[in-house]
Amino acid sequence: MPDDFGTGVIVPIAKDTAGDITDVDNYRDIMVSPVISKTFEYCVMGKFHELNVKNDLQFGFKEKTRMFTCNFCFMSVY
């Protein structure tokens, strides 16, 4: 993997444009990656998709799940 595939440009995006734009907590970071590295990533993921193991305890970055699902499961157990 070339080192340049891990580089990108971090762009701060305001969460609330009507809020305080001088407050650091009002921003989230978005990383813009090079197109060639994203293309390579999609090719690799397409080739090895069946090896990508998903756990039922994972909620973040998982299709059709949200944080309230995690909170609901947590509150149901405890």
N, C-alpha and C. Protein backbone atom coordinates (compact mmCIF):
# COMPACT_ATOMS: atom_id res chain seq x y z
N MET A 1 0.84 -1.17 0.00
CA MET A 1 0.00 0.00 0.00
C MET A 1 0.89 1.24 0.00
N PRO A 2 0.77 2.10 -0.95
CA PRO A 2 1.57 3.33 -0.95
C PRO A 2 1.20 4.24 0.22
N ASP A 3 2.18 4.91 0.77
CA ASP A 3 1.93 5.82 1.90
C ASP A 3 0.97 6.94 1.54
N ASP A 4 0.98 7.37 0.29
CA ASP A 4 0.11 8.45 -0.14
C ASP A 4 -1.37 8.09 -0.08
N PHE A 5 -1.70 6.79 -0.04
CA PHE A 5 -3.10 6.38 0.07
C PHE A 5 -3.68 6.76 1.43
N GLY A 6 -2.83 6.95 2.41
CA GLY A 6 -3.29 7.31 3.75
C GLY A 6 -3.34 8.80 4.01
N THR A 7 -3.02 9.59 2.99
CA THR A 7 -3.04 11.04 3.18
C THR A 7 -4.36 11.61 2.70
N GLY A 8 -4.68 12.77 3.22
CA GLY A 8 -5.90 13.46 2.82
C GLY A 8 -5.89 14.86 3.38
N VAL A 9 -6.92 15.59 3.07
CA VAL A 9 -7.07 16.95 3.54
C VAL A 9 -8.23 16.98 4.53
N ILE A 10 -7.98 17.48 5.74
CA ILE A 10 -9.03 17.57 6.75
C ILE A 10 -9.69 18.94 6.64
N VAL A 11 -11.02 18.91 6.46
CA VAL A 11 -11.79 20.14 6.30
C VAL A 11 -12.75 20.27 7.48
N PRO A 12 -12.70 21.38 8.22
CA PRO A 12 -13.65 21.56 9.32
C PRO A 12 -15.01 22.02 8.78
N ILE A 13 -16.08 21.35 9.22
CA ILE A 13 -17.44 21.68 8.82
C ILE A 13 -18.22 22.09 10.06
N ALA A 14 -18.88 23.24 10.02
CA ALA A 14 -19.66 23.71 11.17
C ALA A 14 -20.89 22.83 11.37
N LYS A 15 -21.13 22.40 12.60
CA LYS A 15 -22.31 21.61 12.93
C LYS A 15 -23.56 22.47 12.91
N ASP A 16 -23.45 23.67 13.48
CA ASP A 16 -24.58 24.60 13.56
C ASP A 16 -24.12 25.95 13.03
N THR A 17 -24.51 26.28 11.80
CA THR A 17 -24.05 27.53 11.19
C THR A 17 -24.66 28.75 11.87
N ALA A 18 -25.78 28.57 12.56
CA ALA A 18 -26.39 29.69 13.28
C ALA A 18 -25.77 29.85 14.67
N GLY A 19 -24.97 28.86 15.09
CA GLY A 19 -24.35 28.90 16.41
C GLY A 19 -23.06 29.69 16.40
N ASP A 20 -22.31 29.53 17.46
CA ASP A 20 -21.04 30.24 17.65
C ASP A 20 -19.96 29.63 16.76
N ILE A 21 -19.57 30.36 15.72
CA ILE A 21 -18.58 29.82 14.78
C ILE A 21 -17.16 29.90 15.32
N THR A 22 -16.97 30.56 16.47
CA THR A 22 -15.64 30.61 17.09
C THR A 22 -15.43 29.48 18.07
N ASP A 23 -16.49 28.70 18.35
CA ASP A 23 -16.40 27.58 19.29
C ASP A 23 -15.86 26.34 18.57
N VAL A 24 -14.77 25.80 19.05
CA VAL A 24 -14.14 24.63 18.43
C VAL A 24 -15.07 23.41 18.47
N ASP A 25 -15.88 23.28 19.49
CA ASP A 25 -16.80 22.13 19.61
C ASP A 25 -17.95 22.19 18.61
N ASN A 26 -18.09 23.31 17.91
CA ASN A 26 -19.16 23.46 16.92
C ASN A 26 -18.74 22.93 15.55
N TYR A 27 -17.60 22.27 15.46
CA TYR A 27 -17.09 21.78 14.19
C TYR A 27 -16.87 20.27 14.22
N ARG A 28 -17.04 19.64 13.07
CA ARG A 28 -16.66 18.24 12.90
C ARG A 28 -15.65 18.19 11.77
N ASP A 29 -14.76 17.24 11.82
CA ASP A 29 -13.72 17.10 10.81
C ASP A 29 -14.16 16.12 9.74
N ILE A 30 -13.97 16.50 8.51
CA ILE A 30 -14.22 15.63 7.37
C ILE A 30 -12.90 15.48 6.63
N MET A 31 -12.51 14.23 6.34
CA MET A 31 -11.26 14.02 5.61
C MET A 31 -11.58 13.71 4.15
N VAL A 32 -10.99 14.50 3.28
CA VAL A 32 -11.14 14.29 1.84
C VAL A 32 -9.94 13.47 1.38
N SER A 33 -10.23 12.25 0.90
CA SER A 33 -9.17 11.33 0.48
C SER A 33 -8.94 11.43 -1.02
N PRO A 34 -7.75 11.05 -1.46
CA PRO A 34 -7.49 11.02 -2.91
C PRO A 34 -8.41 10.01 -3.60
N VAL A 35 -8.85 10.35 -4.80
CA VAL A 35 -9.78 9.50 -5.55
C VAL A 35 -9.16 8.14 -5.83
N ILE A 36 -7.89 8.08 -6.13
CA ILE A 36 -7.25 6.80 -6.45
C ILE A 36 -7.27 5.85 -5.26
N SER A 37 -7.11 6.38 -4.04
CA SER A 37 -7.12 5.50 -2.87
C SER A 37 -8.54 4.99 -2.59
N LYS A 38 -9.57 5.83 -2.81
CA LYS A 38 -10.95 5.37 -2.62
C LYS A 38 -11.31 4.33 -3.67
N THR A 39 -10.85 4.51 -4.90
CA THR A 39 -11.11 3.53 -5.95
C THR A 39 -10.47 2.19 -5.61
N PHE A 40 -9.23 2.24 -5.13
CA PHE A 40 -8.54 1.02 -4.72
C PHE A 40 -9.28 0.34 -3.57
N GLU A 41 -9.74 1.13 -2.61
CA GLU A 41 -10.47 0.60 -1.46
C GLU A 41 -11.74 -0.13 -1.90
N TYR A 42 -12.50 0.47 -2.81
CA TYR A 42 -13.72 -0.17 -3.30
C TYR A 42 -13.42 -1.45 -4.07
N CYS A 43 -12.35 -1.48 -4.81
CA CYS A 43 -11.96 -2.69 -5.54
C CYS A 43 -11.60 -3.81 -4.56
N VAL A 44 -10.82 -3.50 -3.54
CA VAL A 44 -10.42 -4.50 -2.56
C VAL A 44 -11.64 -4.99 -1.77
N MET A 45 -12.50 -4.07 -1.35
CA MET A 45 -13.69 -4.46 -0.59
C MET A 45 -14.63 -5.32 -1.44
N GLY A 46 -14.73 -5.01 -2.73
CA GLY A 46 -15.56 -5.82 -3.62
C GLY A 46 -15.01 -7.23 -3.78
N LYS A 47 -13.70 -7.34 -3.81
CA LYS A 47 -13.05 -8.66 -3.99
C LYS A 47 -13.13 -9.52 -2.73
N PHE A 48 -12.98 -8.88 -1.56
CA PHE A 48 -12.91 -9.63 -0.30
C PHE A 48 -14.10 -9.37 0.62
N HIS A 49 -15.23 -9.02 0.02
CA HIS A 49 -16.43 -8.69 0.81
C HIS A 49 -16.88 -9.83 1.74
N GLU A 50 -16.76 -11.05 1.27
CA GLU A 50 -17.21 -12.19 2.08
C GLU A 50 -16.34 -12.42 3.32
N LEU A 51 -15.14 -11.88 3.33
CA LEU A 51 -14.26 -12.03 4.49
C LEU A 51 -14.51 -10.97 5.56
N ASN A 52 -15.32 -9.98 5.25
CA ASN A 52 -15.62 -8.90 6.17
C ASN A 52 -16.65 -9.41 7.21
N VAL A 53 -16.16 -9.76 8.38
CA VAL A 53 -17.01 -10.32 9.44
C VAL A 53 -17.68 -9.20 10.21
N LYS A 54 -18.99 -9.31 10.39
CA LYS A 54 -19.73 -8.31 11.15
C LYS A 54 -20.20 -8.93 12.46
N ASN A 55 -20.11 -8.14 13.50
CA ASN A 55 -20.50 -8.59 14.83
C ASN A 55 -21.83 -7.93 15.19
N ASP A 56 -22.74 -8.69 15.82
CA ASP A 56 -24.04 -8.14 16.23
C ASP A 56 -23.89 -7.06 17.30
N LEU A 57 -22.76 -7.02 17.99
CA LEU A 57 -22.55 -6.02 19.03
C LEU A 57 -22.02 -4.70 18.47
N GLN A 58 -21.73 -4.67 17.18
CA GLN A 58 -21.25 -3.43 16.56
C GLN A 58 -22.44 -2.61 16.11
N PHE A 59 -22.45 -1.32 16.46
CA PHE A 59 -23.54 -0.44 16.06
C PHE A 59 -23.07 0.69 15.16
N GLY A 60 -21.89 1.21 15.39
CA GLY A 60 -21.38 2.32 14.58
C GLY A 60 -20.88 1.83 13.24
N PHE A 61 -21.07 2.63 12.22
CA PHE A 61 -20.61 2.35 10.85
C PHE A 61 -21.17 1.03 10.33
N LYS A 62 -22.41 0.72 10.72
CA LYS A 62 -23.04 -0.51 10.27
C LYS A 62 -24.38 -0.15 9.63
N GLU A 63 -24.65 -0.75 8.50
CA GLU A 63 -25.86 -0.43 7.76
C GLU A 63 -27.11 -0.75 8.57
N LYS A 64 -28.08 0.14 8.53
CA LYS A 64 -29.38 0.00 9.17
C LYS A 64 -29.31 -0.03 10.69
N THR A 65 -28.32 0.57 11.29
CA THR A 65 -28.27 0.69 12.75
C THR A 65 -28.00 2.15 13.10
N ARG A 66 -28.46 2.54 14.25
CA ARG A 66 -28.29 3.91 14.73
C ARG A 66 -27.86 3.85 16.18
N MET A 67 -27.44 4.99 16.72
CA MET A 67 -27.02 5.04 18.12
C MET A 67 -28.18 4.73 19.07
N PHE A 68 -29.43 5.10 18.70
CA PHE A 68 -30.52 4.78 19.62
C PHE A 68 -30.75 3.29 19.71
N THR A 69 -30.35 2.53 18.68
CA THR A 69 -30.40 1.06 18.77
C THR A 69 -29.45 0.57 19.84
N CYS A 70 -28.25 1.14 19.88
CA CYS A 70 -27.25 0.80 20.88
C CYS A 70 -27.77 1.17 22.27
N ASN A 71 -28.31 2.37 22.39
CA ASN A 71 -28.83 2.81 23.69
C ASN A 71 -29.98 1.92 24.16
N PHE A 72 -30.86 1.55 23.24
CA PHE A 72 -31.99 0.67 23.58
C PHE A 72 -31.48 -0.68 24.09
N CYS A 73 -30.52 -1.27 23.38
CA CYS A 73 -29.98 -2.56 23.78
C CYS A 73 -29.28 -2.46 25.13
N PHE A 74 -28.55 -1.37 25.34
CA PHE A 74 -27.85 -1.17 26.60
C PHE A 74 -28.85 -1.05 27.76
N MET A 75 -29.88 -0.23 27.55
CA MET A 75 -30.88 -0.01 28.61
C MET A 75 -31.70 -1.29 28.87
N SER A 76 -31.90 -2.12 27.84
CA SER A 76 -32.66 -3.37 28.02
C SER A 76 -31.90 -4.37 28.88
N VAL A 77 -30.59 -4.37 28.78
CA VAL A 77 -29.77 -5.32 29.53
C VAL A 77 -29.60 -4.85 30.98
N TYR A 78 -29.42 -3.56 31.16
CA TYR A 78 -29.14 -3.03 32.49
C TYR A 78 -30.35 -2.40 33.01
